[in-house]
Amino acid sequence: MLKTGLTFAPGTTEDCKNLVSRLHTPASLLGAYRRAREQFGNTDIVLAISDQVPHIEYATRFEYCKHLKQIFGDKAPIFKLWHVSAQSVVKLPQEDEAMWVVVQISGAETPSMCVIHAIPYEETPVTLN
């Protein structure tokens, strides 16, 4: 059976991987990405998660950059997502399932950001002898 999983882009810190994994499952992240993709008709998506609320917010990267500009002003372009799509980070075609995940932790001045992307895999049934 062919399934889809998620993996982190190379260079993602263990702390960020653990944080994202603690807050949401791959299925919930991929589901949110797919809903956003369908809603916006766009593959360049940012998922925003928090340690304070259980739901996932999403926006196009363009719209999320406007949000960053409101919060950080002229410093907003320091964030890598300002400049490149998630697909560009992991060197995938624009139509592939890759997304920025922004994690806001209570008390932190700036959010943590990483890229995750979908990977197909085949699940083989386990047989017991």
Protein backbone atom coordinates (compact mmCIF):
# COMPACT_ATOMS: atom_id res chain seq x y z
CA MET A 1 0.00 0.00 0.00
CA LEU A 2 1.40 3.40 -1.01
CA LYS A 3 1.29 6.02 1.76
CA THR A 4 2.64 9.53 2.27
CA GLY A 5 4.85 10.58 5.15
CA LEU A 6 6.66 13.78 6.02
CA THR A 7 10.32 14.47 6.49
CA PHE A 8 12.27 17.55 7.48
CA ALA A 9 14.53 19.45 5.13
CA PRO A 10 18.26 18.87 5.58
CA GLY A 11 19.73 21.19 8.18
CA THR A 12 16.65 21.24 10.43
CA THR A 13 17.78 21.22 14.04
CA GLU A 14 16.84 18.34 16.31
CA ASP A 15 15.16 20.83 18.65
CA CYS A 16 12.89 22.06 15.87
CA LYS A 17 12.12 18.50 14.71
CA ASN A 18 11.20 17.46 18.25
CA LEU A 19 9.07 20.56 18.78
CA VAL A 20 7.06 20.12 15.59
CA SER A 21 6.67 16.39 16.23
CA ARG A 22 5.48 17.02 19.78
CA LEU A 23 2.84 19.55 18.69
CA HIS A 24 1.35 17.82 15.61
CA THR A 25 1.26 14.54 13.75
CA PRO A 26 2.43 14.20 10.17
CA ALA A 27 -1.19 13.47 9.19
CA SER A 28 -2.48 16.72 10.74
CA LEU A 29 0.27 18.80 9.11
CA LEU A 30 -0.17 17.20 5.70
CA GLY A 31 -3.95 17.54 5.98
CA ALA A 32 -3.65 21.25 6.79
CA TYR A 33 -1.27 21.74 3.87
CA ARG A 34 -3.66 20.00 1.48
CA ARG A 35 -6.62 22.07 2.71
CA ALA A 36 -4.60 25.27 2.26
CA ARG A 37 -3.45 24.21 -1.18
CA GLU A 38 -7.03 23.56 -2.23
CA GLN A 39 -8.40 26.74 -0.63
CA PHE A 40 -5.79 29.07 -2.11
CA GLY A 41 -5.06 27.25 -5.37
CA ASN A 42 -1.39 27.65 -4.51
CA THR A 43 1.41 25.29 -3.48
CA ASP A 44 3.53 27.95 -1.71
CA ILE A 45 2.07 27.45 1.78
CA VAL A 46 3.07 28.31 5.34
CA LEU A 47 1.62 26.42 8.30
CA ALA A 48 1.65 28.30 11.60
CA ILE A 49 1.50 26.32 14.83
CA SER A 50 1.79 27.24 18.47
CA ASP A 51 2.40 25.59 21.80
CA GLN A 52 -0.65 27.49 23.09
CA VAL A 53 -3.40 26.42 20.68
CA PRO A 54 -4.03 23.00 19.13
CA HIS A 55 -5.13 24.09 15.66
CA ILE A 56 -3.00 24.79 12.61
CA GLU A 57 -3.33 28.11 10.82
CA TYR A 58 -2.24 28.42 7.22
CA ALA A 59 -1.66 31.03 4.55
CA THR A 60 0.17 31.48 1.29
CA ARG A 61 3.80 32.43 1.79
CA PHE A 62 3.05 35.83 0.24
CA GLU A 63 0.30 36.50 2.81
CA TYR A 64 2.40 35.18 5.67
CA CYS A 65 5.22 37.53 4.68
CA LYS A 66 2.76 40.43 5.03
CA HIS A 67 2.05 39.17 8.56
CA LEU A 68 5.79 39.05 9.31
CA LYS A 69 6.13 42.61 8.02
CA GLN A 70 3.40 43.77 10.45
CA ILE A 71 5.15 42.11 13.39
CA PHE A 72 8.84 42.61 12.60
CA GLY A 73 8.77 45.67 10.33
CA ASP A 74 11.97 46.17 8.36
CA LYS A 75 13.54 43.11 10.04
CA ALA A 76 11.01 40.71 8.41
CA PRO A 77 13.30 39.92 5.43
CA ILE A 78 15.82 38.26 7.78
CA PHE A 79 13.58 35.18 7.75
CA LYS A 80 14.51 32.73 4.99
CA LEU A 81 10.87 32.07 4.10
CA TRP A 82 10.68 35.72 2.98
CA HIS A 83 12.91 34.83 0.03
CA VAL A 84 12.27 31.21 -1.01
CA SER A 85 9.48 28.68 -1.23
CA ALA A 86 9.66 25.44 0.70
CA GLN A 87 9.98 23.59 -2.60
CA SER A 88 13.08 25.66 -3.42
CA VAL A 89 14.66 24.82 -0.07
CA VAL A 90 14.39 21.08 -0.69
CA LYS A 91 14.95 21.41 -4.46
CA LEU A 92 11.58 19.96 -5.49
CA PRO A 93 9.26 20.99 -8.31
CA GLN A 94 6.82 23.71 -7.26
CA GLU A 95 3.86 21.31 -7.48
CA ASP A 96 5.33 18.89 -4.90
CA GLU A 97 4.06 18.87 -1.32
CA ALA A 98 6.52 20.95 0.67
CA MET A 99 5.68 23.61 3.24
CA TRP A 100 7.15 26.06 5.69
CA VAL A 101 6.17 25.35 9.29
CA VAL A 102 6.40 28.30 11.67
CA VAL A 103 6.29 27.46 15.37
CA GLN A 104 5.49 30.17 17.90
CA ILE A 105 6.52 29.27 21.42
CA SER A 106 5.10 31.30 24.28
CA GLY A 107 7.71 33.69 25.62
CA ALA A 108 9.97 33.46 22.54
CA GLU A 109 10.68 36.69 20.67
CA THR A 110 10.91 35.04 17.28
CA PRO A 111 9.28 31.91 15.92
CA SER A 112 11.15 28.77 14.87
CA MET A 113 10.82 27.92 11.19
CA CYS A 114 11.54 24.82 9.17
CA VAL A 115 10.59 23.12 5.94
CA ILE A 116 8.90 19.73 5.77
CA HIS A 117 8.00 17.81 2.66
CA ALA A 118 5.96 14.78 1.72
CA ILE A 119 7.60 11.52 0.82
CA PRO A 120 5.75 8.55 -0.64
CA TYR A 121 6.54 5.16 0.82
CA GLU A 122 5.20 1.68 0.46
CA GLU A 123 3.86 0.03 3.57
CA THR A 124 4.42 -3.67 3.52
CA PRO A 125 2.13 -5.88 5.53
CA VAL A 126 3.69 -7.72 8.43
CA THR A 127 3.16 -11.44 8.37
CA LEU A 128 3.47 -13.56 11.46
CA ASN A 129 4.73 -17.08 11.10
